Amino acid sequence: MSADLPDLDLLTIDRPDLSDLSAGQIAPIEARTEGWPDSWRDIARSIYVTLISRAEPLRGQAALALSVELMLGIAADMGGEQPYINMGSDFKQSALAARVVDLLARHRQDYDRVGQLVGKSGRHVRRIEARWLRAERAKRQGALVFE
């Protein structure tokens, strides 16, 4: 991996959540993709949000045009069919949990500091860690055999 590329975990932390943006901020992509299948619109919107919120953001028509072009490229590569992404939220939660656990190790259990870094409360960070610890214990113990 090139040293010029940012850490992928940092990309998701620095990128705003769609719910943080106003309707006016996403209005251009909403208008341009009107009539598209929902999943295509979702992907185009996601691309657009990423492009306008990067460290060196694209602005206006450039962000809109590239978002549409990339989504149409994805659609063409998939034969024009709607993509089915069944693990999106699970993947995001798993990546967040991995990031939280890594940061907790580096910051010696400072839940509030880790919460600031990932955009969650200290209490939420504790719950993420607790779920992760339970899952790790379950993996180590394996399935119990009752005879």
C-alpha atoms as a PDB file:
ATOM      1  CA  MET A   1       0.000   0.000   0.000  1.00  0.00           C
ATOM      2  CA  SER A   2       1.337   3.435  -0.876  1.00  0.00           C
ATOM      3  CA  ALA A   3       2.351   5.837   1.884  1.00  0.00           C
ATOM      4  CA  ASP A   4       0.347   8.532   0.040  1.00  0.00           C
ATOM      5  CA  LEU A   5      -2.961   6.793   0.714  1.00  0.00           C
ATOM      6  CA  PRO A   6      -4.794   7.604   3.974  1.00  0.00           C
ATOM      7  CA  ASP A   7      -5.596   4.933   6.535  1.00  0.00           C
ATOM      8  CA  LEU A   8      -8.945   3.408   5.518  1.00  0.00           C
ATOM      9  CA  ASP A   9     -10.195   3.540   9.108  1.00  0.00           C
ATOM     10  CA  LEU A  10      -9.570   7.286   9.191  1.00  0.00           C
ATOM     11  CA  LEU A  11     -11.607   7.776   6.029  1.00  0.00           C
ATOM     12  CA  THR A  12     -14.746   6.471   7.704  1.00  0.00           C
ATOM     13  CA  ILE A  13     -14.155   8.561  10.829  1.00  0.00           C
ATOM     14  CA  ASP A  14     -13.555  11.817   8.955  1.00  0.00           C
ATOM     15  CA  ARG A  15     -16.446  11.299   6.552  1.00  0.00           C
ATOM     16  CA  PRO A  16     -19.746  12.723   7.816  1.00  0.00           C
ATOM     17  CA  ASP A  17     -22.720  10.456   8.209  1.00  0.00           C
ATOM     18  CA  LEU A  18     -25.482  11.114   5.701  1.00  0.00           C
ATOM     19  CA  SER A  19     -27.766  12.143   8.567  1.00  0.00           C
ATOM     20  CA  ASP A  20     -25.318  14.950   9.435  1.00  0.00           C
ATOM     21  CA  LEU A  21     -25.870  16.634   6.067  1.00  0.00           C
ATOM     22  CA  SER A  22     -28.702  18.986   5.221  1.00  0.00           C
ATOM     23  CA  ALA A  23     -31.150  18.364   2.409  1.00  0.00           C
ATOM     24  CA  GLY A  24     -29.580  21.305   0.589  1.00  0.00           C
ATOM     25  CA  GLN A  25     -26.142  19.708   0.683  1.00  0.00           C
ATOM     26  CA  ILE A  26     -27.318  16.545  -1.043  1.00  0.00           C
ATOM     27  CA  ALA A  27     -29.969  18.176  -3.243  1.00  0.00           C
ATOM     28  CA  PRO A  28     -27.804  18.117  -6.414  1.00  0.00           C
ATOM     29  CA  ILE A  29     -27.293  14.331  -6.342  1.00  0.00           C
ATOM     30  CA  GLU A  30     -30.922  13.733  -5.316  1.00  0.00           C
ATOM     31  CA  ALA A  31     -32.183  15.730  -8.301  1.00  0.00           C
ATOM     32  CA  ARG A  32     -29.744  14.145 -10.764  1.00  0.00           C
ATOM     33  CA  THR A  33     -30.575  10.561  -9.745  1.00  0.00           C
ATOM     34  CA  GLU A  34     -34.350  10.986  -9.527  1.00  0.00           C
ATOM     35  CA  GLY A  35     -36.050   7.997 -11.127  1.00  0.00           C
ATOM     36  CA  TRP A  36     -33.085   5.669 -10.594  1.00  0.00           C
ATOM     37  CA  PRO A  37     -33.488   2.419  -8.625  1.00  0.00           C
ATOM     38  CA  ASP A  38     -33.135   3.035  -4.891  1.00  0.00           C
ATOM     39  CA  SER A  39     -29.910   1.089  -4.506  1.00  0.00           C
ATOM     40  CA  TRP A  40     -28.263   3.010  -7.357  1.00  0.00           C
ATOM     41  CA  ARG A  41     -29.357   6.286  -5.772  1.00  0.00           C
ATOM     42  CA  ASP A  42     -27.972   5.172  -2.406  1.00  0.00           C
ATOM     43  CA  ILE A  43     -24.592   4.323  -3.897  1.00  0.00           C
ATOM     44  CA  ALA A  44     -24.443   7.539  -5.959  1.00  0.00           C
ATOM     45  CA  ARG A  45     -25.361   9.536  -2.844  1.00  0.00           C
ATOM     46  CA  SER A  46     -22.651   7.776  -0.847  1.00  0.00           C
ATOM     47  CA  ILE A  47     -20.054   8.495  -3.523  1.00  0.00           C
ATOM     48  CA  TYR A  48     -21.171  12.129  -3.663  1.00  0.00           C
ATOM     49  CA  VAL A  49     -20.907  12.563   0.124  1.00  0.00           C
ATOM     50  CA  THR A  50     -17.413  11.083   0.057  1.00  0.00           C
ATOM     51  CA  LEU A  51     -16.317  13.369  -2.764  1.00  0.00           C
ATOM     52  CA  ILE A  52     -17.614  16.559  -1.141  1.00  0.00           C
ATOM     53  CA  SER A  53     -16.212  15.719   2.307  1.00  0.00           C
ATOM     54  CA  ARG A  54     -12.666  14.611   1.451  1.00  0.00           C
ATOM     55  CA  ALA A  55      -9.619  16.521   2.685  1.00  0.00           C
ATOM     56  CA  GLU A  56      -9.466  18.024  -0.812  1.00  0.00           C
ATOM     57  CA  PRO A  57     -13.178  18.025  -1.685  1.00  0.00           C
ATOM     58  CA  LEU A  58     -14.622  18.248  -5.140  1.00  0.00           C
ATOM     59  CA  ARG A  59     -17.136  21.046  -5.492  1.00  0.00           C
ATOM     60  CA  GLY A  60     -20.396  21.539  -7.324  1.00  0.00           C
ATOM     61  CA  GLN A  61     -20.690  20.093 -10.799  1.00  0.00           C
ATOM     62  CA  ALA A  62     -17.373  18.206 -10.574  1.00  0.00           C
ATOM     63  CA  ALA A  63     -18.553  16.162  -7.566  1.00  0.00           C
ATOM     64  CA  LEU A  64     -21.960  15.597  -9.126  1.00  0.00           C
ATOM     65  CA  ALA A  65     -20.581  14.505 -12.513  1.00  0.00           C
ATOM     66  CA  LEU A  66     -18.011  12.135 -11.012  1.00  0.00           C
ATOM     67  CA  SER A  67     -20.594  10.581  -8.657  1.00  0.00           C
ATOM     68  CA  VAL A  68     -22.953   9.877 -11.539  1.00  0.00           C
ATOM     69  CA  GLU A  69     -20.161   8.594 -13.778  1.00  0.00           C
ATOM     70  CA  LEU A  70     -18.856   6.204 -11.116  1.00  0.00           C
ATOM     71  CA  MET A  71     -22.341   4.885 -10.324  1.00  0.00           C
ATOM     72  CA  LEU A  72     -23.132   4.331 -13.993  1.00  0.00           C
ATOM     73  CA  GLY A  73     -19.814   2.499 -14.316  1.00  0.00           C
ATOM     74  CA  ILE A  74     -20.736   0.228 -11.405  1.00  0.00           C
ATOM     75  CA  ALA A  75     -24.173  -0.380 -12.937  1.00  0.00           C
ATOM     76  CA  ALA A  76     -22.612  -1.225 -16.310  1.00  0.00           C
ATOM     77  CA  ASP A  77     -20.131  -3.623 -14.702  1.00  0.00           C
ATOM     78  CA  MET A  78     -22.993  -5.365 -12.909  1.00  0.00           C
ATOM     79  CA  GLY A  79     -24.955  -5.805 -16.116  1.00  0.00           C
ATOM     80  CA  GLY A  80     -27.469  -3.102 -15.245  1.00  0.00           C
ATOM     81  CA  GLU A  81     -28.859  -5.064 -12.313  1.00  0.00           C
ATOM     82  CA  GLN A  82     -29.373  -3.627  -8.865  1.00  0.00           C
ATOM     83  CA  PRO A  83     -26.646  -4.593  -6.416  1.00  0.00           C
ATOM     84  CA  TYR A  84     -27.629  -6.514  -3.319  1.00  0.00           C
ATOM     85  CA  ILE A  85     -25.509  -5.662  -0.303  1.00  0.00           C
ATOM     86  CA  ASN A  86     -26.854  -7.636   2.607  1.00  0.00           C
ATOM     87  CA  MET A  87     -24.050  -7.068   5.056  1.00  0.00           C
ATOM     88  CA  GLY A  88     -23.556  -3.296   4.816  1.00  0.00           C
ATOM     89  CA  SER A  89     -24.579  -2.393   8.355  1.00  0.00           C
ATOM     90  CA  ASP A  90     -22.919  -5.500   9.832  1.00  0.00           C
ATOM     91  CA  PHE A  91     -19.710  -4.634   8.006  1.00  0.00           C
ATOM     92  CA  LYS A  92     -19.827  -1.037   9.235  1.00  0.00           C
ATOM     93  CA  GLN A  93     -20.486  -2.134  12.830  1.00  0.00           C
ATOM     94  CA  SER A  94     -17.697  -4.705  12.633  1.00  0.00           C
ATOM     95  CA  ALA A  95     -15.249  -2.099  11.313  1.00  0.00           C
ATOM     96  CA  LEU A  96     -16.302   0.320  14.052  1.00  0.00           C
ATOM     97  CA  ALA A  97     -15.829  -2.348  16.723  1.00  0.00           C
ATOM     98  CA  ALA A  98     -12.350  -3.172  15.408  1.00  0.00           C
ATOM     99  CA  ARG A  99     -11.456   0.530  15.407  1.00  0.00           C
ATOM    100  CA  VAL A 100     -12.801   1.026  18.947  1.00  0.00           C
ATOM    101  CA  VAL A 101     -10.893  -1.976  20.318  1.00  0.00           C
ATOM    102  CA  ASP A 102      -7.683  -0.809  18.632  1.00  0.00           C
ATOM    103  CA  LEU A 103      -8.049   2.721  20.002  1.00  0.00           C
ATOM    104  CA  LEU A 104      -8.872   1.465  23.488  1.00  0.00           C
ATOM    105  CA  ALA A 105      -5.644  -0.535  23.493  1.00  0.00           C
ATOM    106  CA  ARG A 106      -3.655   2.552  22.448  1.00  0.00           C
ATOM    107  CA  HIS A 107      -5.395   4.936  24.865  1.00  0.00           C
ATOM    108  CA  ARG A 108      -5.437   2.639  27.926  1.00  0.00           C
ATOM    109  CA  GLN A 109      -9.217   2.309  28.275  1.00  0.00           C
ATOM    110  CA  ASP A 110      -9.971   6.034  27.942  1.00  0.00           C
ATOM    111  CA  TYR A 111     -13.552   5.580  26.755  1.00  0.00           C
ATOM    112  CA  ASP A 112     -14.348   9.263  26.386  1.00  0.00           C
ATOM    113  CA  ARG A 113     -11.269   9.938  24.227  1.00  0.00           C
ATOM    114  CA  VAL A 114     -12.011   6.939  22.000  1.00  0.00           C
ATOM    115  CA  GLY A 115     -15.633   8.070  21.785  1.00  0.00           C
ATOM    116  CA  GLN A 116     -14.496  11.473  20.534  1.00  0.00           C
ATOM    117  CA  LEU A 117     -12.323   9.840  17.889  1.00  0.00           C
ATOM    118  CA  VAL A 118     -15.119   7.649  16.523  1.00  0.00           C
ATOM    119  CA  GLY A 119     -18.028  10.036  17.054  1.00  0.00           C
ATOM    120  CA  LYS A 120     -19.747   8.028  19.791  1.00  0.00           C
ATOM    121  CA  SER A 121     -20.316   8.553  23.503  1.00  0.00           C
ATOM    122  CA  GLY A 122     -18.033   6.950  26.088  1.00  0.00           C
ATOM    123  CA  ARG A 123     -20.982   4.797  27.172  1.00  0.00           C
ATOM    124  CA  HIS A 124     -21.521   3.571  23.597  1.00  0.00           C
ATOM    125  CA  VAL A 125     -17.794   2.748  23.339  1.00  0.00           C
ATOM    126  CA  ARG A 126     -18.083   0.625  26.511  1.00  0.00           C
ATOM    127  CA  ARG A 127     -21.018  -1.290  24.999  1.00  0.00           C
ATOM    128  CA  ILE A 128     -19.092  -1.880  21.764  1.00  0.00           C
ATOM    129  CA  GLU A 129     -16.145  -3.198  23.763  1.00  0.00           C
ATOM    130  CA  ALA A 130     -18.393  -5.443  25.882  1.00  0.00           C
ATOM    131  CA  ARG A 131     -20.011  -6.983  22.764  1.00  0.00           C
ATOM    132  CA  TRP A 132     -16.581  -7.521  21.225  1.00  0.00           C
ATOM    133  CA  LEU A 133     -15.253  -9.180  24.409  1.00  0.00           C
ATOM    134  CA  ARG A 134     -18.283 -11.511  24.571  1.00  0.00           C
ATOM    135  CA  ALA A 135     -17.779 -12.488  20.927  1.00  0.00           C
ATOM    136  CA  GLU A 136     -14.050 -13.098  21.477  1.00  0.00           C
ATOM    137  CA  ARG A 137     -14.737 -15.289  24.521  1.00  0.00           C
ATOM    138  CA  ALA A 138     -17.341 -17.261  22.562  1.00  0.00           C
ATOM    139  CA  LYS A 139     -14.858 -17.832  19.727  1.00  0.00           C
ATOM    140  CA  ARG A 140     -12.193 -19.078  22.137  1.00  0.00           C
ATOM    141  CA  GLN A 141     -14.567 -21.353  24.008  1.00  0.00           C
ATOM    142  CA  GLY A 142     -16.235 -22.786  20.955  1.00  0.00           C
ATOM    143  CA  ALA A 143     -19.486 -24.675  21.126  1.00  0.00           C
ATOM    144  CA  LEU A 144     -20.158 -26.554  24.323  1.00  0.00           C
ATOM    145  CA  VAL A 145     -21.151 -30.157  23.845  1.00  0.00           C
ATOM    146  CA  PHE A 146     -23.862 -31.412  26.154  1.00  0.00           C
ATOM    147  CA  GLU A 147     -24.179 -35.165  26.230  1.00  0.00           C
END
